[in-house]
Amino acid sequence: MTAPRTLTRTREDLAEFLRMHREKIAPEEVGLPRGRRRRTPGLRREEVRQRLSPWETQVSQMLSSFRRDFARAAQDPTIDELVEELTKVSPEFKQLWKTQEVNAPCQGVRHLYLEELGEVAFEHTTLTVDEERHLRLVYYAVKEADPQSAAFTRWVRDDKGAR
């Protein structure tokens, strides 16, 4: 029998999961310099935080998009249940949900990590395909000003030629 899902259990599980996976990743694998001597293998906590910083900048955009879906699905009790559950288990979600922030359709810049290239910036926009069924098409295009854009273009071209 599994333990009931609580915020304490979730944090402990997450901490163990992150620790195990941090130890398996060398800094060079995620585009970071090896740096000074390490007492333990893998990434340091601050290096993980550094890699997650693009995520923090995108959280409000993603929550805003979810809030639009929530408003459109007003007759669906399952989305109310989902919000209620997220509010119970995540103080961060609860705080952000209270802001009531809704932005324009989701568009902007996302930084994606590609194993062969490192971090690459993409401009993205979301097009609604079917409003009733909440179907969207998200279009990504490499950001031309990104230093990795030429490398990404070569990588795509070379990959297609290999098939």
N, C-alpha and C. Protein backbone atom coordinates (compact mmCIF):
# COMPACT_ATOMS: atom_id res chain seq x y z
N MET A 1 0.85 -1.18 0.00
CA MET A 1 0.00 0.00 0.00
C MET A 1 0.89 1.24 0.00
N THR A 2 0.60 2.19 -0.84
CA THR A 2 1.40 3.41 -0.90
C THR A 2 0.91 4.42 0.13
N ALA A 3 1.83 5.27 0.57
CA ALA A 3 1.48 6.29 1.55
C ALA A 3 0.56 7.32 0.91
N PRO A 4 -0.32 7.95 1.70
CA PRO A 4 -1.20 8.97 1.12
C PRO A 4 -0.37 10.12 0.58
N ARG A 5 -0.87 10.74 -0.45
CA ARG A 5 -0.15 11.84 -1.08
C ARG A 5 -0.32 13.10 -0.24
N THR A 6 0.79 13.56 0.28
CA THR A 6 0.80 14.80 1.06
C THR A 6 1.91 15.67 0.54
N LEU A 7 1.88 16.94 0.88
CA LEU A 7 2.92 17.85 0.43
C LEU A 7 4.27 17.43 1.00
N THR A 8 4.30 16.98 2.25
CA THR A 8 5.56 16.54 2.86
C THR A 8 6.12 15.35 2.10
N ARG A 9 5.28 14.36 1.83
CA ARG A 9 5.74 13.18 1.10
C ARG A 9 6.19 13.58 -0.29
N THR A 10 5.47 14.45 -0.94
CA THR A 10 5.82 14.88 -2.29
C THR A 10 7.18 15.57 -2.29
N ARG A 11 7.44 16.43 -1.33
CA ARG A 11 8.73 17.13 -1.26
C ARG A 11 9.87 16.16 -1.02
N GLU A 12 9.67 15.21 -0.10
CA GLU A 12 10.71 14.22 0.18
C GLU A 12 11.00 13.37 -1.06
N ASP A 13 9.96 12.94 -1.73
CA ASP A 13 10.13 12.15 -2.95
C ASP A 13 10.84 12.96 -4.02
N LEU A 14 10.46 14.20 -4.18
CA LEU A 14 11.08 15.07 -5.18
C LEU A 14 12.55 15.29 -4.85
N ALA A 15 12.86 15.54 -3.57
CA ALA A 15 14.25 15.76 -3.17
C ALA A 15 15.11 14.54 -3.49
N GLU A 16 14.61 13.35 -3.19
CA GLU A 16 15.35 12.12 -3.48
C GLU A 16 15.52 11.92 -4.98
N PHE A 17 14.46 12.17 -5.73
CA PHE A 17 14.51 12.05 -7.19
C PHE A 17 15.55 13.00 -7.77
N LEU A 18 15.53 14.25 -7.34
CA LEU A 18 16.49 15.24 -7.85
C LEU A 18 17.92 14.88 -7.47
N ARG A 19 18.12 14.44 -6.25
CA ARG A 19 19.46 14.06 -5.79
C ARG A 19 20.01 12.92 -6.65
N MET A 20 19.19 11.89 -6.87
CA MET A 20 19.64 10.75 -7.68
C MET A 20 20.02 11.18 -9.10
N HIS A 21 19.18 12.03 -9.70
CA HIS A 21 19.43 12.41 -11.08
C HIS A 21 20.54 13.45 -11.20
N ARG A 22 20.69 14.31 -10.20
CA ARG A 22 21.78 15.28 -10.20
C ARG A 22 23.13 14.58 -10.23
N GLU A 23 23.24 13.50 -9.48
CA GLU A 23 24.49 12.77 -9.38
C GLU A 23 24.88 12.09 -10.69
N LYS A 24 23.92 11.82 -11.56
CA LYS A 24 24.18 11.12 -12.82
C LYS A 24 24.59 12.05 -13.95
N ILE A 25 24.48 13.36 -13.76
CA ILE A 25 24.72 14.31 -14.85
C ILE A 25 25.99 15.10 -14.61
N ALA A 26 26.91 15.01 -15.56
CA ALA A 26 28.14 15.80 -15.49
C ALA A 26 27.84 17.21 -15.99
N PRO A 27 28.51 18.23 -15.44
CA PRO A 27 28.26 19.61 -15.88
C PRO A 27 28.43 19.79 -17.39
N GLU A 28 29.42 19.12 -17.97
CA GLU A 28 29.66 19.26 -19.42
C GLU A 28 28.48 18.79 -20.25
N GLU A 29 27.71 17.85 -19.72
CA GLU A 29 26.56 17.31 -20.45
C GLU A 29 25.45 18.34 -20.64
N VAL A 30 25.42 19.37 -19.79
CA VAL A 30 24.37 20.39 -19.90
C VAL A 30 24.94 21.75 -20.26
N GLY A 31 26.17 21.74 -20.83
CA GLY A 31 26.75 22.98 -21.32
C GLY A 31 27.38 23.85 -20.26
N LEU A 32 27.70 23.29 -19.10
CA LEU A 32 28.34 24.05 -18.03
C LEU A 32 29.81 23.64 -17.91
N PRO A 33 30.71 24.56 -17.53
CA PRO A 33 32.11 24.17 -17.33
C PRO A 33 32.26 23.27 -16.11
N ARG A 34 33.25 22.43 -16.13
CA ARG A 34 33.47 21.49 -15.01
C ARG A 34 33.78 22.25 -13.72
N GLY A 35 34.57 23.30 -13.80
CA GLY A 35 34.83 24.13 -12.64
C GLY A 35 35.72 23.48 -11.61
N ARG A 36 35.61 23.98 -10.38
CA ARG A 36 36.49 23.51 -9.29
C ARG A 36 36.17 22.07 -8.88
N ARG A 37 37.02 21.54 -8.03
CA ARG A 37 36.91 20.16 -7.55
C ARG A 37 35.55 19.91 -6.89
N ARG A 38 35.01 18.73 -7.11
CA ARG A 38 33.70 18.37 -6.58
C ARG A 38 33.84 17.31 -5.51
N ARG A 39 33.10 17.50 -4.42
CA ARG A 39 33.10 16.50 -3.34
C ARG A 39 32.18 15.34 -3.68
N THR A 40 31.13 15.62 -4.44
CA THR A 40 30.19 14.57 -4.85
C THR A 40 30.06 14.62 -6.37
N PRO A 41 29.69 13.50 -6.99
CA PRO A 41 29.55 13.50 -8.44
C PRO A 41 28.33 14.29 -8.89
N GLY A 42 28.34 14.69 -10.14
CA GLY A 42 27.16 15.31 -10.74
C GLY A 42 27.07 16.80 -10.55
N LEU A 43 25.87 17.33 -10.79
CA LEU A 43 25.63 18.76 -10.73
C LEU A 43 25.44 19.23 -9.29
N ARG A 44 25.88 20.44 -9.04
CA ARG A 44 25.62 21.09 -7.75
C ARG A 44 24.21 21.68 -7.80
N ARG A 45 23.65 21.95 -6.62
CA ARG A 45 22.29 22.53 -6.56
C ARG A 45 22.21 23.84 -7.33
N GLU A 46 23.23 24.70 -7.17
CA GLU A 46 23.19 26.00 -7.85
C GLU A 46 23.25 25.84 -9.37
N GLU A 47 23.90 24.77 -9.85
CA GLU A 47 23.94 24.52 -11.29
C GLU A 47 22.57 24.07 -11.80
N VAL A 48 21.88 23.30 -10.99
CA VAL A 48 20.51 22.90 -11.35
C VAL A 48 19.63 24.14 -11.40
N ARG A 49 19.74 25.00 -10.39
CA ARG A 49 18.94 26.25 -10.38
C ARG A 49 19.24 27.09 -11.61
N GLN A 50 20.52 27.16 -11.98
CA GLN A 50 20.91 27.93 -13.15
C GLN A 50 20.23 27.40 -14.41
N ARG A 51 20.15 26.08 -14.53
CA ARG A 51 19.52 25.47 -15.70
C ARG A 51 18.00 25.66 -15.68
N LEU A 52 17.43 25.80 -14.49
CA LEU A 52 15.97 25.94 -14.37
C LEU A 52 15.49 27.38 -14.51
N SER A 53 16.40 28.35 -14.55
CA SER A 53 15.96 29.75 -14.59
C SER A 53 15.04 30.06 -15.77
N PRO A 54 15.25 29.50 -17.01
CA PRO A 54 14.26 29.77 -18.07
C PRO A 54 12.86 29.28 -17.69
N TRP A 55 12.79 28.17 -16.89
CA TRP A 55 11.50 27.64 -16.45
C TRP A 55 10.76 28.68 -15.61
N GLU A 56 11.47 29.29 -14.66
CA GLU A 56 10.84 30.25 -13.78
C GLU A 56 10.25 31.43 -14.55
N THR A 57 10.90 31.82 -15.63
CA THR A 57 10.38 32.95 -16.41
C THR A 57 9.15 32.55 -17.22
N GLN A 58 8.94 31.25 -17.42
CA GLN A 58 7.82 30.79 -18.24
C GLN A 58 6.61 30.32 -17.43
N VAL A 59 6.78 30.18 -16.12
CA VAL A 59 5.69 29.67 -15.28
C VAL A 59 4.45 30.53 -15.40
N SER A 60 4.60 31.86 -15.31
CA SER A 60 3.41 32.72 -15.37
C SER A 60 2.72 32.62 -16.72
N GLN A 61 3.48 32.47 -17.80
CA GLN A 61 2.87 32.29 -19.13
C GLN A 61 2.07 31.01 -19.19
N MET A 62 2.64 29.94 -18.68
CA MET A 62 1.96 28.65 -18.73
C MET A 62 0.71 28.65 -17.85
N LEU A 63 0.81 29.25 -16.68
CA LEU A 63 -0.35 29.34 -15.80
C LEU A 63 -1.44 30.21 -16.43
N SER A 64 -1.03 31.27 -17.09
CA SER A 64 -1.99 32.13 -17.78
C SER A 64 -2.74 31.34 -18.87
N SER A 65 -2.02 30.52 -19.59
CA SER A 65 -2.64 29.69 -20.62
C SER A 65 -3.62 28.69 -19.99
N PHE A 66 -3.21 28.10 -18.87
CA PHE A 66 -4.09 27.17 -18.15
C PHE A 66 -5.34 27.90 -17.65
N ARG A 67 -5.18 29.15 -17.19
CA ARG A 67 -6.32 29.93 -16.70
C ARG A 67 -7.32 30.19 -17.84
N ARG A 68 -6.84 30.43 -19.05
CA ARG A 68 -7.74 30.60 -20.20
C ARG A 68 -8.54 29.32 -20.44
N ASP A 69 -7.85 28.18 -20.36
CA ASP A 69 -8.54 26.89 -20.53
C ASP A 69 -9.57 26.68 -19.42
N PHE A 70 -9.21 27.07 -18.22
CA PHE A 70 -10.11 26.95 -17.08
C PHE A 70 -11.38 27.76 -17.32
N ALA A 71 -11.22 28.98 -17.82
CA ALA A 71 -12.38 29.84 -18.09
C ALA A 71 -13.26 29.26 -19.20
N ARG A 72 -12.64 28.66 -20.21
CA ARG A 72 -13.41 28.09 -21.32
C ARG A 72 -14.13 26.81 -20.93
N ALA A 73 -13.60 26.13 -19.91
CA ALA A 73 -14.17 24.84 -19.50
C ALA A 73 -15.00 25.00 -18.23
N ALA A 74 -15.72 26.09 -18.12
CA ALA A 74 -16.47 26.39 -16.90
C ALA A 74 -17.48 25.30 -16.53
N GLN A 75 -17.97 24.55 -17.50
CA GLN A 75 -18.97 23.52 -17.23
C GLN A 75 -18.36 22.16 -16.91
N ASP A 76 -17.03 22.08 -16.88
CA ASP A 76 -16.36 20.80 -16.67
C ASP A 76 -15.89 20.68 -15.22
N PRO A 77 -16.52 19.80 -14.42
CA PRO A 77 -16.14 19.69 -13.00
C PRO A 77 -14.73 19.14 -12.80
N THR A 78 -14.19 18.41 -13.77
CA THR A 78 -12.85 17.84 -13.58
C THR A 78 -11.77 18.92 -13.52
N ILE A 79 -11.96 20.01 -14.25
CA ILE A 79 -10.95 21.08 -14.19
C ILE A 79 -11.02 21.80 -12.85
N ASP A 80 -12.24 21.94 -12.28
CA ASP A 80 -12.36 22.50 -10.93
C ASP A 80 -11.65 21.60 -9.91
N GLU A 81 -11.81 20.29 -10.06
CA GLU A 81 -11.16 19.35 -9.16
C GLU A 81 -9.64 19.43 -9.29
N LEU A 82 -9.15 19.60 -10.50
CA LEU A 82 -7.72 19.71 -10.72
C LEU A 82 -7.16 20.96 -10.03
N VAL A 83 -7.83 22.09 -10.20
CA VAL A 83 -7.39 23.33 -9.55
C VAL A 83 -7.42 23.17 -8.03
N GLU A 84 -8.46 22.54 -7.52
CA GLU A 84 -8.57 22.32 -6.07
C GLU A 84 -7.41 21.46 -5.56
N GLU A 85 -7.10 20.39 -6.28
CA GLU A 85 -6.00 19.50 -5.88
C GLU A 85 -4.65 20.23 -5.96
N LEU A 86 -4.42 20.96 -7.03
CA LEU A 86 -3.16 21.71 -7.16
C LEU A 86 -3.01 22.75 -6.05
N THR A 87 -4.11 23.39 -5.70
CA THR A 87 -4.09 24.39 -4.62
C THR A 87 -3.75 23.74 -3.29
N LYS A 88 -4.21 22.51 -3.07
CA LYS A 88 -3.93 21.81 -1.81
C LYS A 88 -2.47 21.37 -1.71
N VAL A 89 -1.90 20.87 -2.79
CA VAL A 89 -0.56 20.28 -2.71
C VAL A 89 0.57 21.24 -3.05
N SER A 90 0.26 22.41 -3.61
CA SER A 90 1.32 23.33 -4.02
C SER A 90 1.05 24.75 -3.56
N PRO A 91 1.76 25.20 -2.53
CA PRO A 91 1.60 26.59 -2.09
C PRO A 91 1.96 27.59 -3.21
N GLU A 92 2.94 27.22 -4.04
CA GLU A 92 3.32 28.10 -5.15
C GLU A 92 2.17 28.25 -6.14
N PHE A 93 1.54 27.13 -6.50
CA PHE A 93 0.38 27.20 -7.39
C PHE A 93 -0.72 28.05 -6.77
N LYS A 94 -1.00 27.81 -5.48
CA LYS A 94 -2.06 28.55 -4.79
C LYS A 94 -1.80 30.05 -4.85
N GLN A 95 -0.57 30.45 -4.58
CA GLN A 95 -0.22 31.87 -4.62
C GLN A 95 -0.36 32.45 -6.03
N LEU A 96 0.16 31.73 -7.03
CA LEU A 96 0.08 32.22 -8.40
C LEU A 96 -1.36 32.22 -8.92
N TRP A 97 -2.14 31.23 -8.51
CA TRP A 97 -3.54 31.15 -8.97
C TRP A 97 -4.34 32.35 -8.47
N LYS A 98 -4.04 32.83 -7.27
CA LYS A 98 -4.75 33.97 -6.70
C LYS A 98 -4.52 35.26 -7.46
N THR A 99 -3.44 35.34 -8.25
CA THR A 99 -3.15 36.59 -8.98
C THR A 99 -4.17 36.87 -10.06
N GLN A 100 -4.88 35.84 -10.50
CA GLN A 100 -5.92 35.99 -11.54
C GLN A 100 -5.38 36.56 -12.85
N GLU A 101 -4.10 36.38 -13.11
CA GLU A 101 -3.46 36.95 -14.31
C GLU A 101 -3.77 36.11 -15.55
N VAL A 102 -4.29 36.78 -16.58
CA VAL A 102 -4.54 36.14 -17.87
C VAL A 102 -3.91 37.02 -18.93
N ASN A 103 -3.00 36.47 -19.69
CA ASN A 103 -2.32 37.22 -20.75
C ASN A 103 -2.91 36.85 -22.10
N ALA A 104 -2.39 37.49 -23.11
CA ALA A 104 -2.79 37.19 -24.49
C ALA A 104 -2.39 35.75 -24.81
N PRO A 105 -2.82 35.26 -25.97
CA PRO A 105 -2.44 33.89 -26.34
C PRO A 105 -0.94 33.65 -26.16
N CYS A 106 -0.62 32.45 -25.78
CA CYS A 106 0.74 32.09 -25.42
C CYS A 106 1.70 32.26 -26.59
N GLN A 107 2.62 33.18 -26.41
CA GLN A 107 3.68 33.38 -27.41
C GLN A 107 4.87 33.99 -26.70
N GLY A 108 6.02 33.86 -27.31
CA GLY A 108 7.21 34.42 -26.70
C GLY A 108 8.43 33.62 -27.07
N VAL A 109 9.37 33.51 -26.13
CA VAL A 109 10.62 32.80 -26.37
C VAL A 109 10.76 31.71 -25.32
N ARG A 110 11.10 30.51 -25.77
CA ARG A 110 11.39 29.40 -24.86
C ARG A 110 12.80 28.92 -25.16
N HIS A 111 13.49 28.54 -24.12
CA HIS A 111 14.84 27.98 -24.24
C HIS A 111 14.74 26.48 -24.02
N LEU A 112 15.11 25.73 -25.03
CA LEU A 112 15.05 24.28 -24.94
C LEU A 112 16.47 23.72 -24.94
N TYR A 113 16.69 22.70 -24.14
CA TYR A 113 18.00 22.07 -24.09
C TYR A 113 18.00 20.86 -25.02
N LEU A 114 18.92 20.87 -25.98
CA LEU A 114 19.09 19.75 -26.90
C LEU A 114 20.44 19.12 -26.59
N GLU A 115 20.44 17.84 -26.36
CA GLU A 115 21.65 17.15 -25.90
C GLU A 115 22.85 17.43 -26.80
N GLU A 116 22.65 17.45 -28.11
CA GLU A 116 23.77 17.62 -29.04
C GLU A 116 24.25 19.07 -29.14
N LEU A 117 23.40 20.06 -28.76
CA LEU A 117 23.73 21.46 -28.99
C LEU A 117 23.80 22.31 -27.73
N GLY A 118 23.16 21.88 -26.67
CA GLY A 118 23.02 22.72 -25.49
C GLY A 118 21.70 23.49 -25.58
N GLU A 119 21.67 24.66 -24.98
CA GLU A 119 20.44 25.45 -24.93
C GLU A 119 20.27 26.26 -26.22
N VAL A 120 19.07 26.19 -26.80
CA VAL A 120 18.73 26.92 -28.02
C VAL A 120 17.44 27.70 -27.77
N ALA A 121 17.41 28.96 -28.21
CA ALA A 121 16.22 29.80 -28.02
C ALA A 121 15.28 29.65 -29.22
N PHE A 122 13.99 29.51 -28.93
CA PHE A 122 12.96 29.41 -29.96
C PHE A 122 11.87 30.42 -29.69
N GLU A 123 11.42 31.08 -30.74
CA GLU A 123 10.22 31.90 -30.64
C GLU A 123 9.05 30.95 -30.86
N HIS A 124 7.95 31.18 -30.14
CA HIS A 124 6.81 30.29 -30.30
C HIS A 124 5.52 31.09 -30.26
N THR A 125 4.53 30.53 -30.90
CA THR A 125 3.17 31.08 -30.84
C THR A 125 2.19 29.93 -30.88
N THR A 126 1.04 30.13 -30.30
CA THR A 126 0.02 29.10 -30.23
C THR A 126 -1.16 29.49 -31.09
N LEU A 127 -1.57 28.60 -31.95
CA LEU A 127 -2.73 28.82 -32.81
C LEU A 127 -3.85 27.88 -32.36
N THR A 128 -5.05 28.41 -32.20
CA THR A 128 -6.19 27.58 -31.80
C THR A 128 -6.73 26.87 -33.04
N VAL A 129 -6.76 25.56 -32.97
CA VAL A 129 -7.24 24.74 -34.08
C VAL A 129 -8.72 24.47 -33.92
N ASP A 130 -9.14 24.06 -32.72
CA ASP A 130 -10.53 23.76 -32.44
C ASP A 130 -10.84 24.22 -31.02
N GLU A 131 -11.50 25.35 -30.91
CA GLU A 131 -11.80 25.96 -29.61
C GLU A 131 -12.61 25.02 -28.72
N GLU A 132 -13.59 24.35 -29.32
CA GLU A 132 -14.49 23.50 -28.55
C GLU A 132 -13.78 22.32 -27.90
N ARG A 133 -12.81 21.75 -28.62
CA ARG A 133 -12.09 20.58 -28.08
C ARG A 133 -10.73 20.98 -27.50
N HIS A 134 -10.47 22.27 -27.37
CA HIS A 134 -9.23 22.79 -26.79
C HIS A 134 -7.99 22.29 -27.52
N LEU A 135 -8.07 22.20 -28.84
CA LEU A 135 -6.92 21.76 -29.63
C LEU A 135 -6.13 22.97 -30.10
N ARG A 136 -4.82 22.89 -29.90
CA ARG A 136 -3.94 23.98 -30.30
C ARG A 136 -2.75 23.44 -31.07
N LEU A 137 -2.19 24.29 -31.90
CA LEU A 137 -0.95 24.00 -32.59
C LEU A 137 0.06 25.00 -32.08
N VAL A 138 1.17 24.51 -31.53
CA VAL A 138 2.22 25.39 -31.06
C VAL A 138 3.33 25.35 -32.10
N TYR A 139 3.66 26.52 -32.64
CA TYR A 139 4.66 26.64 -33.68
C TYR A 139 5.94 27.21 -33.07
N TYR A 140 7.04 26.49 -33.26
CA TYR A 140 8.35 26.93 -32.77
C TYR A 140 9.25 27.24 -33.96
N ALA A 141 9.97 28.34 -33.86
CA ALA A 141 10.98 28.70 -34.86
C ALA A 141 12.23 29.16 -34.12
N VAL A 142 13.37 28.67 -34.56
CA VAL A 142 14.60 29.04 -33.89
C VAL A 142 14.76 30.57 -33.94
N LYS A 143 15.15 31.15 -32.84
CA LYS A 143 15.32 32.60 -32.75
C LYS A 143 16.62 32.96 -33.46
N GLU A 144 16.50 33.74 -34.52
CA GLU A 144 17.65 34.06 -35.36
C GLU A 144 18.78 34.74 -34.60
N ALA A 145 18.46 35.53 -33.59
CA ALA A 145 19.49 36.25 -32.84
C ALA A 145 20.23 35.33 -31.86
N ASP A 146 19.74 34.12 -31.64
CA ASP A 146 20.38 33.21 -30.72
C ASP A 146 21.71 32.72 -31.31
N PRO A 147 22.77 32.70 -30.50
CA PRO A 147 24.06 32.24 -31.01
C PRO A 147 24.03 30.80 -31.53
N GLN A 148 23.10 30.00 -31.04
CA GLN A 148 23.02 28.60 -31.45
C GLN A 148 22.15 28.39 -32.69
N SER A 149 21.55 29.46 -33.25
CA SER A 149 20.61 29.28 -34.37
C SER A 149 21.27 28.64 -35.59
N ALA A 150 22.47 29.06 -35.94
CA ALA A 150 23.16 28.47 -37.11
C ALA A 150 23.49 27.00 -36.83
N ALA A 151 23.94 26.70 -35.63
CA ALA A 151 24.26 25.32 -35.27
C ALA A 151 22.99 24.46 -35.32
N PHE A 152 21.87 25.01 -34.86
CA PHE A 152 20.61 24.26 -34.88
C PHE A 152 20.18 23.98 -36.33
N THR A 153 20.29 24.99 -37.19
CA THR A 153 19.93 24.82 -38.60
C THR A 153 20.78 23.74 -39.25
N ARG A 154 22.09 23.74 -38.99
CA ARG A 154 22.98 22.69 -39.53
C ARG A 154 22.59 21.32 -38.96
N TRP A 155 22.29 21.28 -37.67
CA TRP A 155 21.93 20.03 -37.02
C TRP A 155 20.68 19.43 -37.65
N VAL A 156 19.66 20.25 -37.90
CA VAL A 156 18.42 19.78 -38.54
C VAL A 156 18.70 19.32 -39.95
N ARG A 157 19.46 20.11 -40.71
CA ARG A 157 19.77 19.77 -42.09
C ARG A 157 20.55 18.47 -42.16
N ASP A 158 21.57 18.31 -41.33
CA ASP A 158 22.40 17.11 -41.33
C ASP A 158 21.63 15.89 -40.87
N ASP A 159 20.75 16.05 -39.90
CA ASP A 159 19.95 14.95 -39.39
C ASP A 159 19.01 14.43 -40.48
N LYS A 160 18.41 15.36 -41.24
CA LYS A 160 17.49 14.93 -42.31
C LYS A 160 18.26 14.20 -43.41
N GLY A 161 19.47 14.66 -43.67
CA GLY A 161 20.28 14.01 -44.71
C GLY A 161 20.70 12.61 -44.33
N ALA A 162 20.75 12.31 -43.03
CA ALA A 162 21.18 10.99 -42.56
C ALA A 162 20.07 9.95 -42.68
N ARG A 163 18.85 10.38 -42.92
CA ARG A 163 17.72 9.41 -42.96
C ARG A 163 17.52 8.83 -44.32
